[in-house]
C-alpha atoms as a PDB file:
ATOM      1  CA  MET A   1      62.672 106.842 113.194  1.00  0.00           C
ATOM      2  CA  LEU A   2      65.077 106.445 116.122  1.00  0.00           C
ATOM      3  CA  MET A   3      68.102 106.588 113.781  1.00  0.00           C
ATOM      4  CA  PHE A   4      67.282 110.228 112.975  1.00  0.00           C
ATOM      5  CA  ARG A   5      67.047 111.386 116.610  1.00  0.00           C
ATOM      6  CA  PRO A   6      70.765 112.314 117.061  1.00  0.00           C
ATOM      7  CA  TRP A   7      70.596 114.399 113.869  1.00  0.00           C
ATOM      8  CA  ILE A   8      67.394 116.108 115.017  1.00  0.00           C
ATOM      9  CA  ASN A   9      68.913 116.848 118.433  1.00  0.00           C
ATOM     10  CA  HIS A  10      71.974 118.306 116.710  1.00  0.00           C
ATOM     11  CA  VAL A  11      69.810 120.647 114.644  1.00  0.00           C
ATOM     12  CA  ILE A  12      67.822 121.699 117.731  1.00  0.00           C
ATOM     13  CA  ASN A  13      71.040 122.476 119.586  1.00  0.00           C
ATOM     14  CA  LEU A  14      72.239 124.600 116.687  1.00  0.00           C
ATOM     15  CA  LEU A  15      68.998 126.584 116.572  1.00  0.00           C
ATOM     16  CA  TYR A  16      68.528 126.734 120.350  1.00  0.00           C
ATOM     17  CA  PRO A  17      71.951 126.283 121.948  1.00  0.00           C
ATOM     18  CA  ARG A  18      72.000 125.003 125.510  1.00  0.00           C
ATOM     19  CA  VAL A  19      73.813 127.544 127.636  1.00  0.00           C
ATOM     20  CA  CYS A  20      74.531 127.939 131.324  1.00  0.00           C
ATOM     21  CA  ALA A  21      71.968 130.180 133.017  1.00  0.00           C
ATOM     22  CA  ALA A  22      74.681 131.558 135.304  1.00  0.00           C
ATOM     23  CA  CYS A  23      77.504 132.393 132.876  1.00  0.00           C
ATOM     24  CA  GLY A  24      76.124 131.926 129.352  1.00  0.00           C
ATOM     25  CA  SER A  25      78.724 129.384 128.255  1.00  0.00           C
ATOM     26  CA  SER A  26      77.701 126.290 126.289  1.00  0.00           C
ATOM     27  CA  LEU A  27      76.602 123.362 128.406  1.00  0.00           C
ATOM     28  CA  LEU A  28      78.322 120.025 127.999  1.00  0.00           C
ATOM     29  CA  LYS A  29      76.309 116.932 127.124  1.00  0.00           C
ATOM     30  CA  ASP A  30      75.769 115.852 130.756  1.00  0.00           C
ATOM     31  CA  GLU A  31      75.224 119.348 132.170  1.00  0.00           C
ATOM     32  CA  GLU A  32      71.765 120.791 132.844  1.00  0.00           C
ATOM     33  CA  THR A  33      70.780 124.437 133.407  1.00  0.00           C
ATOM     34  CA  VAL A  34      74.025 125.454 135.159  1.00  0.00           C
ATOM     35  CA  CYS A  35      77.511 124.272 134.205  1.00  0.00           C
ATOM     36  CA  LEU A  36      79.602 122.378 136.745  1.00  0.00           C
ATOM     37  CA  LYS A  37      82.110 125.222 137.041  1.00  0.00           C
ATOM     38  CA  CYS A  38      79.367 127.639 138.077  1.00  0.00           C
ATOM     39  CA  ARG A  39      77.706 125.123 140.405  1.00  0.00           C
ATOM     40  CA  TYR A  40      80.901 124.947 142.458  1.00  0.00           C
ATOM     41  CA  ALA A  41      81.408 128.714 142.323  1.00  0.00           C
ATOM     42  CA  LEU A  42      77.956 129.810 143.505  1.00  0.00           C
ATOM     43  CA  PRO A  43      78.448 131.693 146.812  1.00  0.00           C
ATOM     44  CA  LYS A  44      76.507 129.797 149.484  1.00  0.00           C
ATOM     45  CA  THR A  45      75.709 131.589 152.743  1.00  0.00           C
ATOM     46  CA  GLY A  46      75.439 128.687 155.178  1.00  0.00           C
ATOM     47  CA  TYR A  47      72.715 130.673 156.957  1.00  0.00           C
ATOM     48  CA  GLU A  48      70.419 127.659 157.261  1.00  0.00           C
ATOM     49  CA  LEU A  49      72.706 126.411 160.061  1.00  0.00           C
ATOM     50  CA  GLN A  50      72.903 129.769 161.878  1.00  0.00           C
ATOM     51  CA  PRO A  51      69.847 130.729 163.990  1.00  0.00           C
ATOM     52  CA  ASP A  52      71.016 134.341 164.379  1.00  0.00           C
ATOM     53  CA  ASN A  53      72.244 134.887 160.844  1.00  0.00           C
ATOM     54  CA  PRO A  54      72.054 138.386 159.272  1.00  0.00           C
ATOM     55  CA  VAL A  55      68.824 137.776 157.336  1.00  0.00           C
ATOM     56  CA  ALA A  56      67.118 136.391 160.444  1.00  0.00           C
ATOM     57  CA  GLN A  57      68.231 139.474 162.378  1.00  0.00           C
ATOM     58  CA  LEU A  58      66.606 141.661 159.736  1.00  0.00           C
ATOM     59  CA  PHE A  59      63.195 140.600 161.071  1.00  0.00           C
ATOM     60  CA  TYR A  60      63.880 140.979 164.785  1.00  0.00           C
ATOM     61  CA  GLY A  61      61.094 143.028 166.326  1.00  0.00           C
ATOM     62  CA  ARG A  62      59.111 142.840 163.088  1.00  0.00           C
ATOM     63  CA  VAL A  63      58.044 139.228 162.531  1.00  0.00           C
ATOM     64  CA  PRO A  64      58.423 136.269 164.946  1.00  0.00           C
ATOM     65  CA  PHE A  65      59.865 133.912 162.335  1.00  0.00           C
ATOM     66  CA  HIS A  66      60.973 130.520 163.613  1.00  0.00           C
ATOM     67  CA  ALA A  67      63.831 130.512 161.092  1.00  0.00           C
ATOM     68  CA  VAL A  68      65.005 132.582 158.127  1.00  0.00           C
ATOM     69  CA  ALA A  69      67.715 131.757 155.597  1.00  0.00           C
ATOM     70  CA  SER A  70      68.955 132.637 152.131  1.00  0.00           C
ATOM     71  CA  CYS A  71      70.877 130.039 150.153  1.00  0.00           C
ATOM     72  CA  PHE A  72      73.189 132.275 148.107  1.00  0.00           C
ATOM     73  CA  PHE A  73      74.750 135.710 148.217  1.00  0.00           C
ATOM     74  CA  PHE A  74      73.512 138.072 145.514  1.00  0.00           C
ATOM     75  CA  SER A  75      75.979 140.551 144.004  1.00  0.00           C
ATOM     76  CA  LYS A  76      75.704 142.890 141.040  1.00  0.00           C
ATOM     77  CA  SER A  77      76.656 141.144 137.773  1.00  0.00           C
ATOM     78  CA  GLY A  78      77.388 137.940 139.687  1.00  0.00           C
ATOM     79  CA  LYS A  79      76.340 134.424 138.742  1.00  0.00           C
ATOM     80  CA  VAL A  80      73.383 134.395 141.134  1.00  0.00           C
ATOM     81  CA  GLN A  81      72.107 137.666 139.681  1.00  0.00           C
ATOM     82  CA  HIS A  82      72.259 136.114 136.202  1.00  0.00           C
ATOM     83  CA  LEU A  83      70.263 133.116 137.427  1.00  0.00           C
ATOM     84  CA  ILE A  84      67.602 135.338 139.004  1.00  0.00           C
ATOM     85  CA  HIS A  85      67.474 137.495 135.853  1.00  0.00           C
ATOM     86  CA  GLU A  86      67.020 134.410 133.679  1.00  0.00           C
ATOM     87  CA  LEU A  87      64.201 133.263 135.949  1.00  0.00           C
ATOM     88  CA  LYS A  88      62.317 136.549 136.222  1.00  0.00           C
ATOM     89  CA  TYR A  89      62.834 138.159 132.822  1.00  0.00           C
ATOM     90  CA  LYS A  90      63.986 135.511 130.330  1.00  0.00           C
ATOM     91  CA  GLY A  91      61.313 132.856 130.823  1.00  0.00           C
ATOM     92  CA  ASN A  92      63.840 130.363 132.173  1.00  0.00           C
ATOM     93  CA  LYS A  93      61.766 128.259 134.581  1.00  0.00           C
ATOM     94  CA  GLU A  94      64.586 125.742 134.930  1.00  0.00           C
ATOM     95  CA  ALA A  95      66.757 128.415 136.549  1.00  0.00           C
ATOM     96  CA  GLY A  96      64.180 128.663 139.334  1.00  0.00           C
ATOM     97  CA  ILE A  97      63.856 124.912 139.725  1.00  0.00           C
ATOM     98  CA  PHE A  98      67.658 124.658 139.894  1.00  0.00           C
ATOM     99  CA  LEU A  99      67.797 127.310 142.627  1.00  0.00           C
ATOM    100  CA  GLY A 100      65.038 125.485 144.488  1.00  0.00           C
ATOM    101  CA  ARG A 101      66.900 122.186 144.355  1.00  0.00           C
ATOM    102  CA  GLN A 102      69.972 123.886 145.768  1.00  0.00           C
ATOM    103  CA  MET A 103      67.838 125.362 148.548  1.00  0.00           C
ATOM    104  CA  GLY A 104      66.280 121.977 149.228  1.00  0.00           C
ATOM    105  CA  GLU A 105      69.708 120.411 149.643  1.00  0.00           C
ATOM    106  CA  CYS A 106      70.626 123.183 152.080  1.00  0.00           C
ATOM    107  CA  ILE A 107      67.594 122.858 154.342  1.00  0.00           C
ATOM    108  CA  GLN A 108      66.647 119.187 154.199  1.00  0.00           C
ATOM    109  CA  ASP A 109      68.984 118.252 157.082  1.00  0.00           C
ATOM    110  CA  ALA A 110      69.169 121.669 158.772  1.00  0.00           C
ATOM    111  CA  PRO A 111      67.712 121.429 162.320  1.00  0.00           C
ATOM    112  CA  LEU A 112      65.979 124.821 162.035  1.00  0.00           C
ATOM    113  CA  PHE A 113      63.959 123.708 159.017  1.00  0.00           C
ATOM    114  CA  GLN A 114      62.594 120.391 160.203  1.00  0.00           C
ATOM    115  CA  GLY A 115      58.871 119.714 160.588  1.00  0.00           C
ATOM    116  CA  ILE A 116      57.729 122.011 157.783  1.00  0.00           C
ATOM    117  CA  ASP A 117      54.223 121.156 156.597  1.00  0.00           C
ATOM    118  CA  TYR A 118      53.910 123.351 153.498  1.00  0.00           C
ATOM    119  CA  LEU A 119      56.028 125.447 151.169  1.00  0.00           C
ATOM    120  CA  VAL A 120      54.191 128.716 150.504  1.00  0.00           C
ATOM    121  CA  PRO A 121      55.585 130.626 147.500  1.00  0.00           C
ATOM    122  CA  VAL A 122      55.099 134.391 147.597  1.00  0.00           C
ATOM    123  CA  PRO A 123      52.202 134.877 145.159  1.00  0.00           C
ATOM    124  CA  LEU A 124      52.083 137.167 142.149  1.00  0.00           C
ATOM    125  CA  HIS A 125      48.995 139.111 141.218  1.00  0.00           C
ATOM    126  CA  PRO A 126      47.190 137.231 138.389  1.00  0.00           C
ATOM    127  CA  LYS A 127      47.898 140.115 136.004  1.00  0.00           C
ATOM    128  CA  ARG A 128      51.654 140.008 136.727  1.00  0.00           C
ATOM    129  CA  GLU A 129      51.717 136.214 136.534  1.00  0.00           C
ATOM    130  CA  GLN A 130      49.981 136.329 133.155  1.00  0.00           C
ATOM    131  CA  GLN A 131      52.583 138.805 131.907  1.00  0.00           C
ATOM    132  CA  ARG A 132      55.486 136.665 133.130  1.00  0.00           C
ATOM    133  CA  GLY A 133      53.886 133.346 132.288  1.00  0.00           C
ATOM    134  CA  TYR A 134      54.525 131.819 135.721  1.00  0.00           C
ATOM    135  CA  ASN A 135      55.308 132.674 139.330  1.00  0.00           C
ATOM    136  CA  GLN A 136      59.082 132.576 139.863  1.00  0.00           C
ATOM    137  CA  SER A 137      58.680 131.754 143.572  1.00  0.00           C
ATOM    138  CA  LEU A 138      56.556 128.738 142.646  1.00  0.00           C
ATOM    139  CA  MET A 139      59.335 127.487 140.357  1.00  0.00           C
ATOM    140  CA  ILE A 140      61.749 127.727 143.291  1.00  0.00           C
ATOM    141  CA  ALA A 141      59.274 125.927 145.546  1.00  0.00           C
ATOM    142  CA  GLN A 142      58.977 123.129 142.980  1.00  0.00           C
ATOM    143  CA  GLY A 143      62.733 122.619 143.119  1.00  0.00           C
ATOM    144  CA  ILE A 144      62.668 122.470 146.928  1.00  0.00           C
ATOM    145  CA  HIS A 145      59.791 119.972 146.773  1.00  0.00           C
ATOM    146  CA  GLU A 146      61.738 117.715 144.407  1.00  0.00           C
ATOM    147  CA  VAL A 147      64.519 117.397 146.996  1.00  0.00           C
ATOM    148  CA  THR A 148      62.607 117.438 150.288  1.00  0.00           C
ATOM    149  CA  GLY A 149      59.171 116.101 149.377  1.00  0.00           C
ATOM    150  CA  ILE A 150      57.516 118.937 151.323  1.00  0.00           C
ATOM    151  CA  PRO A 151      54.147 119.700 149.676  1.00  0.00           C
ATOM    152  CA  ILE A 152      53.545 123.076 148.047  1.00  0.00           C
ATOM    153  CA  GLY A 153      50.637 125.171 149.274  1.00  0.00           C
ATOM    154  CA  GLU A 154      50.452 127.598 146.388  1.00  0.00           C
ATOM    155  CA  HIS A 155      46.806 128.561 146.924  1.00  0.00           C
ATOM    156  CA  PHE A 156      46.924 129.368 150.640  1.00  0.00           C
ATOM    157  CA  LEU A 157      48.175 132.907 150.057  1.00  0.00           C
ATOM    158  CA  VAL A 158      47.022 135.212 147.261  1.00  0.00           C
ATOM    159  CA  ARG A 159      48.015 138.691 146.155  1.00  0.00           C
ATOM    160  CA  ALA A 160      44.718 140.537 146.004  1.00  0.00           C
ATOM    161  CA  VAL A 161      46.077 143.943 144.994  1.00  0.00           C
ATOM    162  CA  TYR A 162      48.131 144.720 141.890  1.00  0.00           C
ATOM    163  CA  THR A 163      51.190 146.801 142.774  1.00  0.00           C
ATOM    164  CA  ALA A 164      54.139 148.293 140.935  1.00  0.00           C
ATOM    165  CA  THR A 165      57.438 146.410 140.916  1.00  0.00           C
ATOM    166  CA  GLN A 166      59.656 146.782 143.992  1.00  0.00           C
ATOM    167  CA  THR A 167      62.720 147.479 141.849  1.00  0.00           C
ATOM    168  CA  LYS A 168      64.337 150.882 142.502  1.00  0.00           C
ATOM    169  CA  LYS A 169      62.025 151.673 145.415  1.00  0.00           C
ATOM    170  CA  THR A 170      63.394 152.840 148.756  1.00  0.00           C
ATOM    171  CA  ALA A 171      62.993 150.658 151.836  1.00  0.00           C
ATOM    172  CA  ASP A 172      60.022 152.666 153.081  1.00  0.00           C
ATOM    173  CA  GLU A 173      58.413 152.654 149.626  1.00  0.00           C
ATOM    174  CA  ARG A 174      58.792 148.872 149.484  1.00  0.00           C
ATOM    175  CA  PHE A 175      56.946 148.451 152.781  1.00  0.00           C
ATOM    176  CA  GLN A 176      54.130 150.746 151.698  1.00  0.00           C
ATOM    177  CA  ASN A 177      53.942 149.045 148.296  1.00  0.00           C
ATOM    178  CA  VAL A 178      53.152 145.613 149.771  1.00  0.00           C
ATOM    179  CA  LYS A 179      51.226 146.598 152.893  1.00  0.00           C
ATOM    180  CA  ASP A 180      47.878 144.786 153.166  1.00  0.00           C
ATOM    181  CA  ILE A 181      48.000 143.340 149.643  1.00  0.00           C
ATOM    182  CA  PHE A 182      47.908 139.626 150.577  1.00  0.00           C
ATOM    183  CA  GLU A 183      44.970 137.466 151.655  1.00  0.00           C
ATOM    184  CA  VAL A 184      44.794 133.984 153.200  1.00  0.00           C
ATOM    185  CA  ARG A 185      42.704 131.185 151.737  1.00  0.00           C
ATOM    186  CA  ARG A 186      41.592 128.026 153.608  1.00  0.00           C
ATOM    187  CA  ALA A 187      42.982 129.320 156.892  1.00  0.00           C
ATOM    188  CA  GLU A 188      41.352 126.482 158.842  1.00  0.00           C
ATOM    189  CA  THR A 189      43.612 124.019 156.990  1.00  0.00           C
ATOM    190  CA  LEU A 190      46.705 125.797 158.279  1.00  0.00           C
ATOM    191  CA  GLN A 191      45.965 125.856 162.002  1.00  0.00           C
ATOM    192  CA  GLY A 192      48.870 124.358 163.929  1.00  0.00           C
ATOM    193  CA  LYS A 193      51.026 124.033 160.801  1.00  0.00           C
ATOM    194  CA  HIS A 194      54.610 125.105 160.103  1.00  0.00           C
ATOM    195  CA  LEU A 195      54.813 127.078 156.856  1.00  0.00           C
ATOM    196  CA  LEU A 196      57.958 127.967 154.935  1.00  0.00           C
ATOM    197  CA  ILE A 197      57.436 131.126 152.861  1.00  0.00           C
ATOM    198  CA  ILE A 198      59.505 131.053 149.643  1.00  0.00           C
ATOM    199  CA  ASP A 199      60.789 134.029 147.634  1.00  0.00           C
ATOM    200  CA  ASP A 200      63.573 134.715 145.148  1.00  0.00           C
ATOM    201  CA  VAL A 201      65.667 137.568 146.628  1.00  0.00           C
ATOM    202  CA  LEU A 202      65.633 139.118 150.096  1.00  0.00           C
ATOM    203  CA  THR A 203      66.446 142.838 150.168  1.00  0.00           C
ATOM    204  CA  THR A 204      64.525 144.860 152.768  1.00  0.00           C
ATOM    205  CA  GLY A 205      62.298 141.942 153.738  1.00  0.00           C
ATOM    206  CA  ALA A 206      59.149 143.977 153.046  1.00  0.00           C
ATOM    207  CA  THR A 207      57.399 141.289 150.997  1.00  0.00           C
ATOM    208  CA  LEU A 208      58.141 138.470 153.433  1.00  0.00           C
ATOM    209  CA  GLU A 209      56.994 140.640 156.326  1.00  0.00           C
ATOM    210  CA  ALA A 210      53.712 141.455 154.563  1.00  0.00           C
ATOM    211  CA  CYS A 211      53.102 137.748 153.890  1.00  0.00           C
ATOM    212  CA  ALA A 212      53.916 136.848 157.485  1.00  0.00           C
ATOM    213  CA  HIS A 213      51.604 139.468 158.979  1.00  0.00           C
ATOM    214  CA  CYS A 214      48.798 138.056 156.865  1.00  0.00           C
ATOM    215  CA  LEU A 215      49.474 134.457 157.919  1.00  0.00           C
ATOM    216  CA  GLU A 216      50.279 135.004 161.599  1.00  0.00           C
ATOM    217  CA  THR A 217      46.583 135.613 162.359  1.00  0.00           C
ATOM    218  CA  ILE A 218      46.035 131.845 161.987  1.00  0.00           C
ATOM    219  CA  PRO A 219      45.916 130.069 165.394  1.00  0.00           C
ATOM    220  CA  ASP A 220      49.016 128.088 166.430  1.00  0.00           C
ATOM    221  CA  ILE A 221      50.835 128.868 163.178  1.00  0.00           C
ATOM    222  CA  THR A 222      54.621 128.609 162.893  1.00  0.00           C
ATOM    223  CA  LEU A 223      56.288 130.658 160.161  1.00  0.00           C
ATOM    224  CA  SER A 224      59.717 130.400 158.597  1.00  0.00           C
ATOM    225  CA  ALA A 225      61.112 131.944 155.429  1.00  0.00           C
ATOM    226  CA  ALA A 226      63.721 131.042 152.840  1.00  0.00           C
ATOM    227  CA  THR A 227      64.931 132.858 149.753  1.00  0.00           C
ATOM    228  CA  ALA A 228      67.229 131.831 146.961  1.00  0.00           C
ATOM    229  CA  ALA A 229      69.478 134.832 147.534  1.00  0.00           C
ATOM    230  CA  CYS A 230      70.249 137.853 149.656  1.00  0.00           C
ATOM    231  CA  ALA A 231      72.580 140.810 149.325  1.00  0.00           C
ATOM    232  CA  GLY A 232      76.138 140.596 150.611  1.00  0.00           C
ATOM    233  CA  GLY A 233      79.055 138.216 150.498  1.00  0.00           C
END
């Protein structure tokens, strides 16, 4: 049976070609998810090493985050946008895990992100998660976990209210859209812990702020946030 495996793999590749999630070109035999050319070209921010970086400043006076960082710059029609699009709308879970691994490599030795007890992916409402088939932030968290070993606390925060997508909403509409829609579960487990909230793209910060306001009621909690991408660059 083993002698037929190369032939079967060849047929599978013809029917379902392996392509780069960032540029769409065919992947070489030893490449996975994103081609080597794109891996080197992805625009990293370096924010994980900068306490007062632009995304951290976005939350000044709003949320007392210990640290905030985004791994990549997001630009229209850029490689990172293609990766996020593959993750959110094309069913490509591996794109999220890849982004998470990249994030994990960024933060694992960064002083600001030491001592994290749990990764907390921004939750989807069950209806939205059923439509998509998975939570994209959880896929990213899984990639971070693979690199850092930090456990994932996917059930600590839930989205109790179904809301419309944030796409094309103004900044104020985004804040109103996510206000008071999250709830904490097993809060007693989180007392004195350092949580890292995980999301895909940071724009206005409305979703992260809503999550943080829900979690900051827990005694002695420390909150940080990290996203795969942010605007700029």
